All heavy atoms as atom14 arrays in JSON, in Angstrom:
{
  "sequence": "QSDTLRIVFVDRGPGGDLLPNGGNGVLYVFDNSPVPPLASLTLRRQAE",
  "atom14_mask": [
    [1, 1, 1, 1, 1, 1, 1, 1, 1, 0, 0, 0, 0, 0],
    [1, 1, 1, 1, 1, 1, 0, 0, 0, 0, 0, 0, 0, 0],
    [1, 1, 1, 1, 1, 1, 1, 1, 0, 0, 0, 0, 0, 0],
    [1, 1, 1, 1, 1, 1, 1, 0, 0, 0, 0, 0, 0, 0],
    [1, 1, 1, 1, 1, 1, 1, 1, 0, 0, 0, 0, 0, 0],
    [1, 1, 1, 1, 1, 1, 1, 1, 1, 1, 1, 0, 0, 0],
    [1, 1, 1, 1, 1, 1, 1, 1, 0, 0, 0, 0, 0, 0],
    [1, 1, 1, 1, 1, 1, 1, 0, 0, 0, 0, 0, 0, 0],
    [1, 1, 1, 1, 1, 1, 1, 1, 1, 1, 1, 0, 0, 0],
    [1, 1, 1, 1, 1, 1, 1, 0, 0, 0, 0, 0, 0, 0],
    [1, 1, 1, 1, 1, 1, 1, 1, 0, 0, 0, 0, 0, 0],
    [1, 1, 1, 1, 1, 1, 1, 1, 1, 1, 1, 0, 0, 0],
    [1, 1, 1, 1, 0, 0, 0, 0, 0, 0, 0, 0, 0, 0],
    [1, 1, 1, 1, 1, 1, 1, 0, 0, 0, 0, 0, 0, 0],
    [1, 1, 1, 1, 0, 0, 0, 0, 0, 0, 0, 0, 0, 0],
    [1, 1, 1, 1, 0, 0, 0, 0, 0, 0, 0, 0, 0, 0],
    [1, 1, 1, 1, 1, 1, 1, 1, 0, 0, 0, 0, 0, 0],
    [1, 1, 1, 1, 1, 1, 1, 1, 0, 0, 0, 0, 0, 0],
    [1, 1, 1, 1, 1, 1, 1, 1, 0, 0, 0, 0, 0, 0],
    [1, 1, 1, 1, 1, 1, 1, 0, 0, 0, 0, 0, 0, 0],
    [1, 1, 1, 1, 1, 1, 1, 1, 0, 0, 0, 0, 0, 0],
    [1, 1, 1, 1, 0, 0, 0, 0, 0, 0, 0, 0, 0, 0],
    [1, 1, 1, 1, 0, 0, 0, 0, 0, 0, 0, 0, 0, 0],
    [1, 1, 1, 1, 1, 1, 1, 1, 0, 0, 0, 0, 0, 0],
    [1, 1, 1, 1, 0, 0, 0, 0, 0, 0, 0, 0, 0, 0],
    [1, 1, 1, 1, 1, 1, 1, 0, 0, 0, 0, 0, 0, 0],
    [1, 1, 1, 1, 1, 1, 1, 1, 0, 0, 0, 0, 0, 0],
    [1, 1, 1, 1, 1, 1, 1, 1, 1, 1, 1, 1, 0, 0],
    [1, 1, 1, 1, 1, 1, 1, 0, 0, 0, 0, 0, 0, 0],
    [1, 1, 1, 1, 1, 1, 1, 1, 1, 1, 1, 0, 0, 0],
    [1, 1, 1, 1, 1, 1, 1, 1, 0, 0, 0, 0, 0, 0],
    [1, 1, 1, 1, 1, 1, 1, 1, 0, 0, 0, 0, 0, 0],
    [1, 1, 1, 1, 1, 1, 0, 0, 0, 0, 0, 0, 0, 0],
    [1, 1, 1, 1, 1, 1, 1, 0, 0, 0, 0, 0, 0, 0],
    [1, 1, 1, 1, 1, 1, 1, 0, 0, 0, 0, 0, 0, 0],
    [1, 1, 1, 1, 1, 1, 1, 0, 0, 0, 0, 0, 0, 0],
    [1, 1, 1, 1, 1, 1, 1, 0, 0, 0, 0, 0, 0, 0],
    [1, 1, 1, 1, 1, 1, 1, 1, 0, 0, 0, 0, 0, 0],
    [1, 1, 1, 1, 1, 0, 0, 0, 0, 0, 0, 0, 0, 0],
    [1, 1, 1, 1, 1, 1, 0, 0, 0, 0, 0, 0, 0, 0],
    [1, 1, 1, 1, 1, 1, 1, 1, 0, 0, 0, 0, 0, 0],
    [1, 1, 1, 1, 1, 1, 1, 0, 0, 0, 0, 0, 0, 0],
    [1, 1, 1, 1, 1, 1, 1, 1, 0, 0, 0, 0, 0, 0],
    [1, 1, 1, 1, 1, 1, 1, 1, 1, 1, 1, 0, 0, 0],
    [1, 1, 1, 1, 1, 1, 1, 1, 1, 1, 1, 0, 0, 0],
    [1, 1, 1, 1, 1, 1, 1, 1, 1, 0, 0, 0, 0, 0],
    [1, 1, 1, 1, 1, 0, 0, 0, 0, 0, 0, 0, 0, 0],
    [1, 1, 1, 1, 1, 1, 1, 1, 1, 0, 0, 0, 0, 0]
  ],
  "atom14_positions": [
    [[-6.73, 7.02, -11.45], [-7.2, 8.19, -12.18], [-7.59, 9.34, -11.28], [-8.0, 10.4, -11.75], [-8.36, 7.78, -13.08], [-7.95, 6.71, -14.09], [-9.06, 6.32, -15.03], [-10.02, 7.07, -15.22], [-8.93, 5.14, -15.62], [0.0, 0.0, 0.0], [0.0, 0.0, 0.0], [0.0, 0.0, 0.0], [0.0, 0.0, 0.0], [0.0, 0.0, 0.0]],
    [[-7.48, 9.14, -9.96], [-7.69, 10.22, -9.0], [-6.88, 9.89, -7.76], [-6.18, 8.88, -7.71], [-9.17, 10.36, -8.66], [-9.59, 9.3, -7.8], [0.0, 0.0, 0.0], [0.0, 0.0, 0.0], [0.0, 0.0, 0.0], [0.0, 0.0, 0.0], [0.0, 0.0, 0.0], [0.0, 0.0, 0.0], [0.0, 0.0, 0.0], [0.0, 0.0, 0.0]],
    [[-6.98, 10.74, -6.74], [-6.24, 10.48, -5.5], [-7.03, 9.61, -4.54], [-6.59, 9.37, -3.41], [-5.84, 11.79, -4.83], [-7.05, 12.63, -4.4], [-8.19, 12.21, -4.7], [-6.85, 13.69, -3.8], [0.0, 0.0, 0.0], [0.0, 0.0, 0.0], [0.0, 0.0, 0.0], [0.0, 0.0, 0.0], [0.0, 0.0, 0.0], [0.0, 0.0, 0.0]],
    [[-8.21, 9.13, -4.96], [-9.06, 8.34, -4.08], [-9.37, 6.99, -4.72], [-9.69, 6.92, -5.91], [-10.39, 9.08, -3.8], [-10.09, 10.36, -3.24], [-11.26, 8.29, -2.83], [0.0, 0.0, 0.0], [0.0, 0.0, 0.0], [0.0, 0.0, 0.0], [0.0, 0.0, 0.0], [0.0, 0.0, 0.0], [0.0, 0.0, 0.0], [0.0, 0.0, 0.0]],
    [[-9.27, 5.94, -3.94], [-9.57, 4.61, -4.45], [-10.16, 3.75, -3.34], [-10.1, 4.1, -2.16], [-8.32, 3.93, -5.01], [-7.17, 3.64, -4.04], [-6.43, 2.39, -4.46], [-6.19, 4.82, -4.02], [0.0, 0.0, 0.0], [0.0, 0.0, 0.0], [0.0, 0.0, 0.0], [0.0, 0.0, 0.0], [0.0, 0.0, 0.0], [0.0, 0.0, 0.0]],
    [[-10.73, 2.63, -3.75], [-11.24, 1.64, -2.8], [-10.59, 0.3, -3.12], [-10.4, -0.04, -4.29], [-12.76, 1.52, -2.87], [-13.5, 2.75, -2.37], [-15.02, 2.55, -2.39], [-15.72, 3.76, -1.98], [-16.0, 4.06, -0.71], [-15.64, 3.22, 0.25], [-16.63, 5.17, -0.41], [0.0, 0.0, 0.0], [0.0, 0.0, 0.0], [0.0, 0.0, 0.0]],
    [[-10.28, -0.45, -2.08], [-9.64, -1.75, -2.24], [-10.49, -2.8, -1.55], [-10.92, -2.61, -0.41], [-8.22, -1.74, -1.62], [-7.36, -0.66, -2.27], [-7.56, -3.11, -1.77], [-6.02, -0.47, -1.59], [0.0, 0.0, 0.0], [0.0, 0.0, 0.0], [0.0, 0.0, 0.0], [0.0, 0.0, 0.0], [0.0, 0.0, 0.0], [0.0, 0.0, 0.0]],
    [[-10.72, -3.91, -2.24], [-11.43, -5.05, -1.66], [-10.55, -6.28, -1.81], [-10.0, -6.53, -2.89], [-12.78, -5.31, -2.38], [-13.48, -6.53, -1.78], [-13.67, -4.09, -2.29], [0.0, 0.0, 0.0], [0.0, 0.0, 0.0], [0.0, 0.0, 0.0], [0.0, 0.0, 0.0], [0.0, 0.0, 0.0], [0.0, 0.0, 0.0], [0.0, 0.0, 0.0]],
    [[-10.39, -7.04, -0.72], [-9.66, -8.3, -0.76], [-10.65, -9.45, -0.63], [-11.5, -9.44, 0.27], [-8.62, -8.38, 0.37], [-7.43, -7.5, 0.14], [-7.37, -6.22, 0.67], [-6.37, -7.94, -0.64], [-6.29, -5.4, 0.45], [-5.28, -7.12, -0.88], [-5.24, -5.86, -0.34], [0.0, 0.0, 0.0], [0.0, 0.0, 0.0], [0.0, 0.0, 0.0]],
    [[-10.52, -10.44, -1.52], [-11.45, -11.55, -1.55], [-10.67, -12.86, -1.51], [-9.73, -13.05, -2.29], [-12.31, -11.52, -2.84], [-13.31, -12.67, -2.85], [-13.03, -10.19, -2.97], [0.0, 0.0, 0.0], [0.0, 0.0, 0.0], [0.0, 0.0, 0.0], [0.0, 0.0, 0.0], [0.0, 0.0, 0.0], [0.0, 0.0, 0.0], [0.0, 0.0, 0.0]],
    [[-11.05, -13.75, -0.6], [-10.5, -15.12, -0.57], [-11.55, -16.02, -1.23], [-12.62, -16.24, -0.68], [-10.24, -15.55, 0.87], [-9.7, -16.96, 0.95], [-9.57, -17.61, -0.1], [-9.4, -17.42, 2.08], [0.0, 0.0, 0.0], [0.0, 0.0, 0.0], [0.0, 0.0, 0.0], [0.0, 0.0, 0.0], [0.0, 0.0, 0.0], [0.0, 0.0, 0.0]],
    [[-11.23, -16.54, -2.41], [-12.19, -17.35, -3.16], [-12.02, -18.84, -2.92], [-12.61, -19.66, -3.61], [-12.08, -17.03, -4.65], [-12.62, -15.64, -4.97], [-12.5, -15.3, -6.42], [-13.2, -14.03, -6.71], [-12.94, -13.27, -7.76], [-12.03, -13.62, -8.63], [-13.62, -12.14, -7.94], [0.0, 0.0, 0.0], [0.0, 0.0, 0.0], [0.0, 0.0, 0.0]],
    [[-11.18, -19.21, -1.95], [-11.02, -20.61, -1.6], [-12.13, -21.08, -0.69], [-13.05, -20.32, -0.34], [0.0, 0.0, 0.0], [0.0, 0.0, 0.0], [0.0, 0.0, 0.0], [0.0, 0.0, 0.0], [0.0, 0.0, 0.0], [0.0, 0.0, 0.0], [0.0, 0.0, 0.0], [0.0, 0.0, 0.0], [0.0, 0.0, 0.0], [0.0, 0.0, 0.0]],
    [[-12.06, -22.36, -0.25], [-13.08, -22.9, 0.68], [-13.15, -22.06, 1.94], [-12.11, -21.71, 2.53], [-12.57, -24.31, 0.96], [-11.7, -24.66, -0.2], [-11.05, -23.37, -0.63], [0.0, 0.0, 0.0], [0.0, 0.0, 0.0], [0.0, 0.0, 0.0], [0.0, 0.0, 0.0], [0.0, 0.0, 0.0], [0.0, 0.0, 0.0], [0.0, 0.0, 0.0]],
    [[-14.37, -21.73, 2.37], [-14.52, -20.91, 3.57], [-14.0, -19.51, 3.39], [-13.5, -18.89, 4.33], [0.0, 0.0, 0.0], [0.0, 0.0, 0.0], [0.0, 0.0, 0.0], [0.0, 0.0, 0.0], [0.0, 0.0, 0.0], [0.0, 0.0, 0.0], [0.0, 0.0, 0.0], [0.0, 0.0, 0.0], [0.0, 0.0, 0.0], [0.0, 0.0, 0.0]],
    [[-14.06, -18.99, 2.17], [-13.46, -17.71, 1.81], [-13.93, -16.55, 2.67], [-14.96, -16.61, 3.34], [0.0, 0.0, 0.0], [0.0, 0.0, 0.0], [0.0, 0.0, 0.0], [0.0, 0.0, 0.0], [0.0, 0.0, 0.0], [0.0, 0.0, 0.0], [0.0, 0.0, 0.0], [0.0, 0.0, 0.0], [0.0, 0.0, 0.0], [0.0, 0.0, 0.0]],
    [[-13.16, -15.49, 2.63], [-13.43, -14.32, 3.46], [-13.42, -13.09, 2.57], [-12.96, -13.11, 1.43], [-12.37, -14.21, 4.56], [-12.79, -13.27, 5.68], [-13.95, -12.8, 5.66], [-11.95, -12.99, 6.55], [0.0, 0.0, 0.0], [0.0, 0.0, 0.0], [0.0, 0.0, 0.0], [0.0, 0.0, 0.0], [0.0, 0.0, 0.0], [0.0, 0.0, 0.0]],
    [[-13.91, -11.98, 3.13], [-13.99, -10.72, 2.41], [-13.51, -9.61, 3.34], [-13.83, -9.59, 4.52], [-15.44, -10.45, 1.99], [-15.7, -9.3, 1.0], [-15.15, -9.65, -0.37], [-17.21, -9.05, 0.9], [0.0, 0.0, 0.0], [0.0, 0.0, 0.0], [0.0, 0.0, 0.0], [0.0, 0.0, 0.0], [0.0, 0.0, 0.0], [0.0, 0.0, 0.0]],
    [[-12.7, -8.71, 2.76], [-12.22, -7.56, 3.53], [-12.5, -6.29, 2.72], [-12.01, -6.18, 1.58], [-10.71, -7.66, 3.8], [-10.06, -6.47, 4.5], [-10.53, -6.38, 5.94], [-8.55, -6.55, 4.45], [0.0, 0.0, 0.0], [0.0, 0.0, 0.0], [0.0, 0.0, 0.0], [0.0, 0.0, 0.0], [0.0, 0.0, 0.0], [0.0, 0.0, 0.0]],
    [[-13.32, -5.34, 3.24], [-14.05, -5.41, 4.52], [-15.31, -6.25, 4.38], [-15.72, -6.61, 3.28], [-14.4, -3.94, 4.78], [-14.55, -3.37, 3.4], [-13.51, -4.05, 2.56], [0.0, 0.0, 0.0], [0.0, 0.0, 0.0], [0.0, 0.0, 0.0], [0.0, 0.0, 0.0], [0.0, 0.0, 0.0], [0.0, 0.0, 0.0], [0.0, 0.0, 0.0]],
    [[-15.91, -6.57, 5.51], [-17.05, -7.47, 5.51], [-18.21, -6.95, 4.67], [-18.95, -7.72, 4.06], [-17.53, -7.74, 6.94], [-16.54, -8.59, 7.71], [-15.83, -9.4, 7.11], [-16.49, -8.43, 9.02], [0.0, 0.0, 0.0], [0.0, 0.0, 0.0], [0.0, 0.0, 0.0], [0.0, 0.0, 0.0], [0.0, 0.0, 0.0], [0.0, 0.0, 0.0]],
    [[-18.38, -5.63, 4.62], [-19.48, -5.07, 3.85], [-19.29, -5.17, 2.36], [-20.25, -5.08, 1.59], [0.0, 0.0, 0.0], [0.0, 0.0, 0.0], [0.0, 0.0, 0.0], [0.0, 0.0, 0.0], [0.0, 0.0, 0.0], [0.0, 0.0, 0.0], [0.0, 0.0, 0.0], [0.0, 0.0, 0.0], [0.0, 0.0, 0.0], [0.0, 0.0, 0.0]],
    [[-18.04, -5.35, 1.91], [-17.78, -5.51, 0.49], [-17.67, -4.24, -0.3], [-17.52, -4.27, -1.52], [0.0, 0.0, 0.0], [0.0, 0.0, 0.0], [0.0, 0.0, 0.0], [0.0, 0.0, 0.0], [0.0, 0.0, 0.0], [0.0, 0.0, 0.0], [0.0, 0.0, 0.0], [0.0, 0.0, 0.0], [0.0, 0.0, 0.0], [0.0, 0.0, 0.0]],
    [[-17.78, -3.07, 0.36], [-17.71, -1.8, -0.37], [-16.29, -1.27, -0.52], [-16.07, -0.22, -1.12], [-18.57, -0.74, 0.34], [-20.05, -1.08, 0.27], [-20.51, -1.59, -0.75], [-20.77, -0.81, 1.34], [0.0, 0.0, 0.0], [0.0, 0.0, 0.0], [0.0, 0.0, 0.0], [0.0, 0.0, 0.0], [0.0, 0.0, 0.0], [0.0, 0.0, 0.0]],
    [[-15.35, -1.98, 0.07], [-13.95, -1.59, -0.1], [-13.43, -0.72, 1.02], [-14.17, -0.04, 1.72], [0.0, 0.0, 0.0], [0.0, 0.0, 0.0], [0.0, 0.0, 0.0], [0.0, 0.0, 0.0], [0.0, 0.0, 0.0], [0.0, 0.0, 0.0], [0.0, 0.0, 0.0], [0.0, 0.0, 0.0], [0.0, 0.0, 0.0], [0.0, 0.0, 0.0]],
    [[-12.11, -0.76, 1.17], [-11.4, 0.1, 2.11], [-11.05, 1.39, 1.37], [-10.37, 1.36, 0.34], [-10.13, -0.59, 2.64], [-9.34, 0.36, 3.53], [-10.47, -1.86, 3.37], [0.0, 0.0, 0.0], [0.0, 0.0, 0.0], [0.0, 0.0, 0.0], [0.0, 0.0, 0.0], [0.0, 0.0, 0.0], [0.0, 0.0, 0.0], [0.0, 0.0, 0.0]],
    [[-11.53, 2.51, 1.88], [-11.27, 3.8, 1.24], [-9.84, 4.24, 1.53], [-9.37, 4.18, 2.66], [-12.25, 4.84, 1.75], [-12.12, 6.25, 1.13], [-12.51, 6.21, -0.33], [-12.98, 7.24, 1.91], [0.0, 0.0, 0.0], [0.0, 0.0, 0.0], [0.0, 0.0, 0.0], [0.0, 0.0, 0.0], [0.0, 0.0, 0.0], [0.0, 0.0, 0.0]],
    [[-9.16, 4.7, 0.48], [-7.79, 5.17, 0.64], [-7.61, 6.42, -0.2], [-8.04, 6.46, -1.36], [-6.78, 4.1, 0.19], [-5.35, 4.45, 0.5], [-4.77, 4.12, 1.73], [-4.56, 5.12, -0.43], [-3.46, 4.46, 2.01], [-3.25, 5.46, -0.16], [-2.72, 5.13, 1.06], [-1.42, 5.47, 1.36], [0.0, 0.0, 0.0], [0.0, 0.0, 0.0]],
    [[-7.01, 7.44, 0.38], [-6.73, 8.69, -0.33], [-5.21, 8.9, -0.33], [-4.58, 8.92, 0.73], [-7.43, 9.89, 0.34], [-7.12, 11.18, -0.42], [-8.94, 9.66, 0.4], [0.0, 0.0, 0.0], [0.0, 0.0, 0.0], [0.0, 0.0, 0.0], [0.0, 0.0, 0.0], [0.0, 0.0, 0.0], [0.0, 0.0, 0.0], [0.0, 0.0, 0.0]],
    [[-4.65, 9.06, -1.5], [-3.22, 9.31, -1.6], [-2.86, 10.64, -0.95], [-3.55, 11.65, -1.15], [-2.76, 9.35, -3.06], [-2.7, 8.01, -3.72], [-3.42, 7.76, -4.88], [-1.92, 6.99, -3.2], [-3.37, 6.52, -5.5], [-1.86, 5.75, -3.81], [-2.59, 5.51, -4.96], [0.0, 0.0, 0.0], [0.0, 0.0, 0.0], [0.0, 0.0, 0.0]],
    [[-1.79, 10.63, -0.21], [-1.25, 11.86, 0.37], [-0.14, 12.33, -0.56], [0.9, 11.68, -0.68], [-0.7, 11.58, 1.76], [-0.14, 12.83, 2.43], [-0.07, 13.88, 1.77], [0.24, 12.73, 3.61], [0.0, 0.0, 0.0], [0.0, 0.0, 0.0], [0.0, 0.0, 0.0], [0.0, 0.0, 0.0], [0.0, 0.0, 0.0], [0.0, 0.0, 0.0]],
    [[-0.35, 13.43, -1.23], [0.61, 13.91, -2.23], [1.61, 14.92, -1.66], [2.36, 15.53, -2.43], [-0.14, 14.54, -3.41], [-0.9, 13.49, -4.21], [-0.35, 12.45, -4.56], [-2.18, 13.75, -4.47], [0.0, 0.0, 0.0], [0.0, 0.0, 0.0], [0.0, 0.0, 0.0], [0.0, 0.0, 0.0], [0.0, 0.0, 0.0], [0.0, 0.0, 0.0]],
    [[1.62, 15.11, -0.35], [2.59, 16.03, 0.22], [3.99, 15.42, 0.1], [4.16, 14.21, 0.1], [2.26, 16.31, 1.68], [2.25, 15.12, 2.44], [0.0, 0.0, 0.0], [0.0, 0.0, 0.0], [0.0, 0.0, 0.0], [0.0, 0.0, 0.0], [0.0, 0.0, 0.0], [0.0, 0.0, 0.0], [0.0, 0.0, 0.0], [0.0, 0.0, 0.0]],
    [[5.01, 16.26, -0.01], [6.38, 15.75, -0.19], [6.82, 14.88, 0.99], [6.44, 15.11, 2.13], [7.23, 17.03, -0.27], [6.27, 18.11, -0.66], [4.96, 17.73, -0.03], [0.0, 0.0, 0.0], [0.0, 0.0, 0.0], [0.0, 0.0, 0.0], [0.0, 0.0, 0.0], [0.0, 0.0, 0.0], [0.0, 0.0, 0.0], [0.0, 0.0, 0.0]],
    [[7.62, 13.89, 0.68], [8.2, 13.03, 1.71], [9.72, 13.23, 1.69], [10.28, 13.63, 0.67], [7.86, 11.55, 1.47], [6.37, 11.33, 1.57], [8.38, 11.08, 0.12], [0.0, 0.0, 0.0], [0.0, 0.0, 0.0], [0.0, 0.0, 0.0], [0.0, 0.0, 0.0], [0.0, 0.0, 0.0], [0.0, 0.0, 0.0], [0.0, 0.0, 0.0]],
    [[10.37, 12.99, 2.82], [11.84, 13.14, 2.83], [12.47, 12.22, 1.79], [12.03, 11.08, 1.6], [12.22, 12.72, 4.26], [10.98, 12.89, 5.05], [9.85, 12.6, 4.12], [0.0, 0.0, 0.0], [0.0, 0.0, 0.0], [0.0, 0.0, 0.0], [0.0, 0.0, 0.0], [0.0, 0.0, 0.0], [0.0, 0.0, 0.0], [0.0, 0.0, 0.0]],
    [[13.48, 12.68, 1.08], [14.13, 11.84, 0.07], [14.79, 10.63, 0.72], [15.31, 10.71, 1.83], [15.17, 12.76, -0.57], [15.41, 13.83, 0.45], [14.12, 14.0, 1.18], [0.0, 0.0, 0.0], [0.0, 0.0, 0.0], [0.0, 0.0, 0.0], [0.0, 0.0, 0.0], [0.0, 0.0, 0.0], [0.0, 0.0, 0.0], [0.0, 0.0, 0.0]],
    [[14.73, 9.51, 0.01], [15.37, 8.29, 0.49], [16.87, 8.42, 0.29], [17.34, 8.71, -0.82], [14.84, 7.08, -0.27], [15.41, 5.72, 0.13], [14.89, 5.32, 1.51], [15.06, 4.67, -0.9], [0.0, 0.0, 0.0], [0.0, 0.0, 0.0], [0.0, 0.0, 0.0], [0.0, 0.0, 0.0], [0.0, 0.0, 0.0], [0.0, 0.0, 0.0]],
    [[17.62, 8.21, 1.35], [19.08, 8.29, 1.24], [19.6, 7.17, 0.35], [19.22, 6.01, 0.5], [19.71, 8.19, 2.62], [0.0, 0.0, 0.0], [0.0, 0.0, 0.0], [0.0, 0.0, 0.0], [0.0, 0.0, 0.0], [0.0, 0.0, 0.0], [0.0, 0.0, 0.0], [0.0, 0.0, 0.0], [0.0, 0.0, 0.0], [0.0, 0.0, 0.0]],
    [[20.44, 7.52, -0.59], [21.06, 6.53, -1.47], [22.21, 5.85, -0.73], [23.05, 6.52, -0.12], [21.59, 7.21, -2.74], [22.21, 6.28, -3.59], [0.0, 0.0, 0.0], [0.0, 0.0, 0.0], [0.0, 0.0, 0.0], [0.0, 0.0, 0.0], [0.0, 0.0, 0.0], [0.0, 0.0, 0.0], [0.0, 0.0, 0.0], [0.0, 0.0, 0.0]],
    [[22.23, 4.53, -0.75], [23.29, 3.79, -0.06], [24.53, 3.71, -0.94], [24.45, 3.41, -2.13], [22.82, 2.37, 0.27], [21.58, 2.24, 1.16], [21.25, 0.78, 1.38], [21.81, 2.94, 2.49], [0.0, 0.0, 0.0], [0.0, 0.0, 0.0], [0.0, 0.0, 0.0], [0.0, 0.0, 0.0], [0.0, 0.0, 0.0], [0.0, 0.0, 0.0]],
    [[25.67, 3.97, -0.35], [26.92, 3.84, -1.08], [27.25, 2.37, -1.32], [26.86, 1.49, -0.54], [28.08, 4.51, -0.32], [29.3, 4.28, -1.05], [28.24, 3.92, 1.08], [0.0, 0.0, 0.0], [0.0, 0.0, 0.0], [0.0, 0.0, 0.0], [0.0, 0.0, 0.0], [0.0, 0.0, 0.0], [0.0, 0.0, 0.0], [0.0, 0.0, 0.0]],
    [[27.98, 2.1, -2.38], [28.46, 0.75, -2.64], [29.78, 0.5, -1.92], [30.26, -0.63, -1.88], [28.66, 0.52, -4.14], [27.45, -0.03, -4.92], [26.25, 0.88, -4.8], [27.81, -0.24, -6.39], [0.0, 0.0, 0.0], [0.0, 0.0, 0.0], [0.0, 0.0, 0.0], [0.0, 0.0, 0.0], [0.0, 0.0, 0.0], [0.0, 0.0, 0.0]],
    [[30.37, 1.52, -1.33], [31.69, 1.4, -0.71], [31.58, 0.86, 0.71], [30.55, 0.98, 1.37], [32.4, 2.76, -0.69], [32.48, 3.44, -2.04], [33.18, 2.6, -3.07], [33.36, 3.32, -4.33], [33.47, 2.76, -5.51], [33.43, 1.44, -5.62], [33.63, 3.49, -6.59], [0.0, 0.0, 0.0], [0.0, 0.0, 0.0], [0.0, 0.0, 0.0]],
    [[32.68, 0.34, 1.21], [32.76, -0.1, 2.6], [32.81, 1.1, 3.53], [33.35, 2.15, 3.19], [34.03, -0.94, 2.83], [34.05, -2.29, 2.15], [35.46, -2.87, 2.27], [35.54, -4.25, 1.85], [35.67, -4.66, 0.59], [35.71, -3.76, -0.37], [35.76, -5.94, 0.29], [0.0, 0.0, 0.0], [0.0, 0.0, 0.0], [0.0, 0.0, 0.0]],
    [[32.27, 0.91, 4.76], [32.42, 1.94, 5.78], [33.86, 1.97, 6.29], [34.35, 3.03, 6.71], [31.47, 1.67, 6.94], [30.0, 1.87, 6.6], [29.09, 1.49, 7.75], [29.52, 0.87, 8.72], [27.82, 1.83, 7.63], [0.0, 0.0, 0.0], [0.0, 0.0, 0.0], [0.0, 0.0, 0.0], [0.0, 0.0, 0.0], [0.0, 0.0, 0.0]],
    [[34.51, 0.83, 6.29], [35.91, 0.73, 6.72], [36.6, -0.3, 5.82], [36.02, -1.32, 5.47], [36.02, 0.31, 8.18], [0.0, 0.0, 0.0], [0.0, 0.0, 0.0], [0.0, 0.0, 0.0], [0.0, 0.0, 0.0], [0.0, 0.0, 0.0], [0.0, 0.0, 0.0], [0.0, 0.0, 0.0], [0.0, 0.0, 0.0], [0.0, 0.0, 0.0]],
    [[37.82, -0.01, 5.45], [38.54, -0.86, 4.5], [38.79, -2.26, 5.05], [38.97, -3.21, 4.29], [39.87, -0.21, 4.11], [39.7, 0.97, 3.16], [38.99, 0.59, 1.87], [39.33, -0.46, 1.29], [38.09, 1.33, 1.45], [0.0, 0.0, 0.0], [0.0, 0.0, 0.0], [0.0, 0.0, 0.0], [0.0, 0.0, 0.0], [0.0, 0.0, 0.0]]
  ]
}
């Protein structure tokens, strides 16, 4: 719902772990600047 989010990874198995250790999440901000277009791959052979 915005360009900013936090991510937390939790291992709930035996001896589980938390990322990040503080538990407040990894801050991530989307970069909305344009990126180079992905080249479309041809279905054809490069050589017959």
